[in-house]
């Protein structure tokens, strides 16, 4: 006896894959924005002056 059909399982799987992909894109975007923080270079950045 099946609780959910095969088509319902495929739909749920696609929805979860979409959620995971969007979370990955958002986290990647946030990781790239860290380098653009105001205030100049990081504290441990090399000084070339």
PDB file of N, CA and C in Angstrom:
ATOM      1  N   UNK A   1       0.842  -1.189   0.000  1.00  0.00           N
ATOM      2  CA  UNK A   1       0.000   0.000   0.000  1.00  0.00           C
ATOM      3  C   UNK A   1       0.882   1.245   0.000  1.00  0.00           C
ATOM      4  N   UNK A   2       0.730   2.052  -0.992  1.00  0.00           N
ATOM      5  CA  UNK A   2       1.543   3.257  -1.112  1.00  0.00           C
ATOM      6  C   UNK A   2       0.864   4.431  -0.435  1.00  0.00           C
ATOM      7  N   UNK A   3       1.650   5.201   0.290  1.00  0.00           N
ATOM      8  CA  UNK A   3       1.116   6.402   0.918  1.00  0.00           C
ATOM      9  C   UNK A   3       1.103   7.536  -0.110  1.00  0.00           C
ATOM     10  N   UNK A   4       2.204   7.717  -0.792  1.00  0.00           N
ATOM     11  CA  UNK A   4       2.308   8.731  -1.843  1.00  0.00           C
ATOM     12  C   UNK A   4       2.653   8.045  -3.151  1.00  0.00           C
ATOM     13  N   UNK A   5       2.139   8.583  -4.231  1.00  0.00           N
ATOM     14  CA  UNK A   5       2.445   8.027  -5.540  1.00  0.00           C
ATOM     15  C   UNK A   5       3.819   8.433  -6.015  1.00  0.00           C
ATOM     16  N   UNK A   6       4.236   7.839  -7.104  1.00  0.00           N
ATOM     17  CA  UNK A   6       5.552   8.141  -7.659  1.00  0.00           C
ATOM     18  C   UNK A   6       5.644   9.580  -8.135  1.00  0.00           C
ATOM     19  N   UNK A   7       4.578  10.087  -8.704  1.00  0.00           N
ATOM     20  CA  UNK A   7       4.592  11.473  -9.197  1.00  0.00           C
ATOM     21  C   UNK A   7       4.699  12.464  -8.036  1.00  0.00           C
ATOM     22  N   UNK A   8       4.045  12.166  -6.926  1.00  0.00           N
ATOM     23  CA  UNK A   8       4.139  13.041  -5.758  1.00  0.00           C
ATOM     24  C   UNK A   8       5.558  13.038  -5.202  1.00  0.00           C
ATOM     25  N   UNK A   9       6.187  11.889  -5.178  1.00  0.00           N
ATOM     26  CA  UNK A   9       7.560  11.799  -4.695  1.00  0.00           C
ATOM     27  C   UNK A   9       8.514  12.565  -5.603  1.00  0.00           C
ATOM     28  N   UNK A  10       8.289  12.489  -6.924  1.00  0.00           N
ATOM     29  CA  UNK A  10       9.120  13.250  -7.856  1.00  0.00           C
ATOM     30  C   UNK A  10       8.945  14.748  -7.630  1.00  0.00           C
ATOM     31  N   UNK A  11       7.712  15.181  -7.384  1.00  0.00           N
ATOM     32  CA  UNK A  11       7.447  16.596  -7.152  1.00  0.00           C
ATOM     33  C   UNK A  11       8.126  17.077  -5.873  1.00  0.00           C
ATOM     34  N   UNK A  12       8.036  16.276  -4.830  1.00  0.00           N
ATOM     35  CA  UNK A  12       8.685  16.638  -3.565  1.00  0.00           C
ATOM     36  C   UNK A  12      10.195  16.695  -3.737  1.00  0.00           C
ATOM     37  N   UNK A  13      10.746  15.739  -4.467  1.00  0.00           N
ATOM     38  CA  UNK A  13      12.191  15.717  -4.700  1.00  0.00           C
ATOM     39  C   UNK A  13      12.643  16.944  -5.474  1.00  0.00           C
ATOM     40  N   UNK A  14      11.878  17.321  -6.503  1.00  0.00           N
ATOM     41  CA  UNK A  14      12.227  18.525  -7.273  1.00  0.00           C
ATOM     42  C   UNK A  14      12.145  19.773  -6.414  1.00  0.00           C
ATOM     43  N   UNK A  15      11.136  19.848  -5.554  1.00  0.00           N
ATOM     44  CA  UNK A  15      10.993  21.020  -4.682  1.00  0.00           C
ATOM     45  C   UNK A  15      12.165  21.113  -3.712  1.00  0.00           C
ATOM     46  N   UNK A  16      12.559  19.997  -3.125  1.00  0.00           N
ATOM     47  CA  UNK A  16      13.695  20.004  -2.207  1.00  0.00           C
ATOM     48  C   UNK A  16      14.995  20.357  -2.918  1.00  0.00           C
ATOM     49  N   UNK A  17      15.156  19.874  -4.137  1.00  0.00           N
ATOM     50  CA  UNK A  17      16.355  20.223  -4.901  1.00  0.00           C
ATOM     51  C   UNK A  17      16.390  21.713  -5.208  1.00  0.00           C
ATOM     52  N   UNK A  18      15.237  22.296  -5.506  1.00  0.00           N
ATOM     53  CA  UNK A  18      15.172  23.729  -5.754  1.00  0.00           C
ATOM     54  C   UNK A  18      15.496  24.541  -4.521  1.00  0.00           C
ATOM     55  N   UNK A  19      14.998  24.106  -3.377  1.00  0.00           N
ATOM     56  CA  UNK A  19      15.289  24.809  -2.123  1.00  0.00           C
ATOM     57  C   UNK A  19      16.773  24.725  -1.805  1.00  0.00           C
ATOM     58  N   UNK A  20      17.361  23.552  -1.957  1.00  0.00           N
ATOM     59  CA  UNK A  20      18.792  23.408  -1.683  1.00  0.00           C
ATOM     60  C   UNK A  20      19.643  24.230  -2.647  1.00  0.00           C
ATOM     61  N   UNK A  21      19.252  24.278  -3.912  1.00  0.00           N
ATOM     62  CA  UNK A  21      20.006  25.063  -4.889  1.00  0.00           C
ATOM     63  C   UNK A  21      19.927  26.549  -4.566  1.00  0.00           C
ATOM     64  N   UNK A  22      18.747  27.028  -4.188  1.00  0.00           N
ATOM     65  CA  UNK A  22      18.619  28.453  -3.873  1.00  0.00           C
ATOM     66  C   UNK A  22      19.384  28.794  -2.597  1.00  0.00           C
ATOM     67  N   UNK A  23      19.399  27.899  -1.620  1.00  0.00           N
ATOM     68  CA  UNK A  23      20.196  28.140  -0.412  1.00  0.00           C
ATOM     69  C   UNK A  23      21.685  28.193  -0.748  1.00  0.00           C
ATOM     70  N   UNK A  24      22.111  27.337  -1.649  1.00  0.00           N
ATOM     71  CA  UNK A  24      23.508  27.349  -2.057  1.00  0.00           C
ATOM     72  C   UNK A  24      23.895  28.633  -2.769  1.00  0.00           C
ATOM     73  N   UNK A  25      23.010  29.112  -3.630  1.00  0.00           N
ATOM     74  CA  UNK A  25      23.293  30.365  -4.324  1.00  0.00           C
ATOM     75  C   UNK A  25      23.324  31.550  -3.367  1.00  0.00           C
ATOM     76  N   UNK A  26      22.412  31.569  -2.417  1.00  0.00           N
ATOM     77  CA  UNK A  26      22.393  32.667  -1.452  1.00  0.00           C
ATOM     78  C   UNK A  26      23.632  32.662  -0.567  1.00  0.00           C
ATOM     79  N   UNK A  27      24.061  31.492  -0.140  1.00  0.00           N
ATOM     80  CA  UNK A  27      25.251  31.430   0.704  1.00  0.00           C
ATOM     81  C   UNK A  27      26.507  31.788  -0.085  1.00  0.00           C
ATOM     82  N   UNK A  28      26.554  31.408  -1.360  1.00  0.00           N
ATOM     83  CA  UNK A  28      27.710  31.779  -2.189  1.00  0.00           C
ATOM     84  C   UNK A  28      27.747  33.287  -2.403  1.00  0.00           C
ATOM     85  N   UNK A  29      26.581  33.878  -2.600  1.00  0.00           N
ATOM     86  CA  UNK A  29      26.516  35.326  -2.779  1.00  0.00           C
ATOM     87  C   UNK A  29      26.961  36.037  -1.497  1.00  0.00           C
ATOM     88  N   UNK A  30      26.546  35.527  -0.354  1.00  0.00           N
ATOM     89  CA  UNK A  30      26.949  36.131   0.914  1.00  0.00           C
ATOM     90  C   UNK A  30      28.450  35.970   1.140  1.00  0.00           C
ATOM     91  N   UNK A  31      29.018  34.854   0.726  1.00  0.00           N
ATOM     92  CA  UNK A  31      30.454  34.638   0.897  1.00  0.00           C
ATOM     93  C   UNK A  31      31.256  35.605   0.026  1.00  0.00           C
ATOM     94  N   UNK A  32      30.760  35.908  -1.156  1.00  0.00           N
ATOM     95  CA  UNK A  32      31.459  36.875  -2.011  1.00  0.00           C
ATOM     96  C   UNK A  32      31.330  38.288  -1.472  1.00  0.00           C
ATOM     97  N   UNK A  33      30.235  38.605  -0.816  1.00  0.00           N
ATOM     98  CA  UNK A  33      30.028  39.960  -0.294  1.00  0.00           C
ATOM     99  C   UNK A  33      30.886  40.241   0.926  1.00  0.00           C
ATOM    100  N   UNK A  34      31.425  39.221   1.566  1.00  0.00           N
ATOM    101  CA  UNK A  34      32.254  39.436   2.749  1.00  0.00           C
ATOM    102  C   UNK A  34      33.510  40.206   2.379  1.00  0.00           C
ATOM    103  N   UNK A  35      34.047  39.981   1.201  1.00  0.00           N
ATOM    104  CA  UNK A  35      35.256  40.683   0.786  1.00  0.00           C
ATOM    105  C   UNK A  35      35.029  42.159   0.515  1.00  0.00           C
ATOM    106  N   UNK A  36      33.784  42.595   0.388  1.00  0.00           N
ATOM    107  CA  UNK A  36      33.475  43.983   0.097  1.00  0.00           C
ATOM    108  C   UNK A  36      33.067  44.760   1.340  1.00  0.00           C
ATOM    109  N   UNK A  37      33.546  44.355   2.500  1.00  0.00           N
ATOM    110  CA  UNK A  37      33.136  45.033   3.730  1.00  0.00           C
ATOM    111  C   UNK A  37      33.759  46.426   3.800  1.00  0.00           C
ATOM    112  N   UNK A  38      33.028  47.392   4.336  1.00  0.00           N
ATOM    113  CA  UNK A  38      33.553  48.756   4.429  1.00  0.00           C
ATOM    114  C   UNK A  38      34.665  48.845   5.473  1.00  0.00           C
ATOM    115  N   UNK A  39      35.523  49.819   5.352  1.00  0.00           N
ATOM    116  CA  UNK A  39      36.570  50.038   6.336  1.00  0.00           C
ATOM    117  C   UNK A  39      37.954  49.667   5.850  1.00  0.00           C
ATOM    118  N   UNK A  40      38.074  49.245   4.610  1.00  0.00           N
ATOM    119  CA  UNK A  40      39.385  48.950   4.076  1.00  0.00           C
ATOM    120  C   UNK A  40      39.741  47.484   4.172  1.00  0.00           C
ATOM    121  N   UNK A  41      41.029  47.180   4.044  1.00  0.00           N
ATOM    122  CA  UNK A  41      41.454  45.780   4.028  1.00  0.00           C
ATOM    123  C   UNK A  41      41.300  45.119   5.396  1.00  0.00           C
ATOM    124  N   UNK A  42      41.402  43.826   5.410  1.00  0.00           N
ATOM    125  CA  UNK A  42      41.293  43.078   6.656  1.00  0.00           C
ATOM    126  C   UNK A  42      42.481  43.371   7.562  1.00  0.00           C
ATOM    127  N   UNK A  43      42.334  43.041   8.819  1.00  0.00           N
ATOM    128  CA  UNK A  43      43.386  43.319   9.797  1.00  0.00           C
ATOM    129  C   UNK A  43      44.650  42.547   9.472  1.00  0.00           C
ATOM    130  N   UNK A  44      44.521  41.327   9.020  1.00  0.00           N
ATOM    131  CA  UNK A  44      45.713  40.506   8.753  1.00  0.00           C
ATOM    132  C   UNK A  44      46.181  40.593   7.308  1.00  0.00           C
ATOM    133  N   UNK A  45      45.719  41.587   6.570  1.00  0.00           N
ATOM    134  CA  UNK A  45      46.148  41.755   5.185  1.00  0.00           C
ATOM    135  C   UNK A  45      47.567  42.325   5.156  1.00  0.00           C
ATOM    136  N   UNK A  46      48.370  41.905   4.172  1.00  0.00           N
ATOM    137  CA  UNK A  46      49.736  42.435   4.092  1.00  0.00           C
ATOM    138  C   UNK A  46      49.749  43.913   3.706  1.00  0.00           C
ATOM    139  N   UNK A  47      50.696  44.644   4.258  1.00  0.00           N
ATOM    140  CA  UNK A  47      50.843  46.064   3.936  1.00  0.00           C
ATOM    141  C   UNK A  47      52.029  46.226   3.008  1.00  0.00           C
ATOM    142  N   UNK A  48      51.814  46.875   1.877  1.00  0.00           N
ATOM    143  CA  UNK A  48      52.867  47.027   0.872  1.00  0.00           C
ATOM    144  C   UNK A  48      53.396  48.457   0.816  1.00  0.00           C
ATOM    145  N   UNK A  49      53.334  49.189   1.901  1.00  0.00           N
ATOM    146  CA  UNK A  49      53.814  50.583   1.902  1.00  0.00           C
ATOM    147  C   UNK A  49      55.120  50.711   2.611  1.00  0.00           C
TER     148      UNK A  49
END
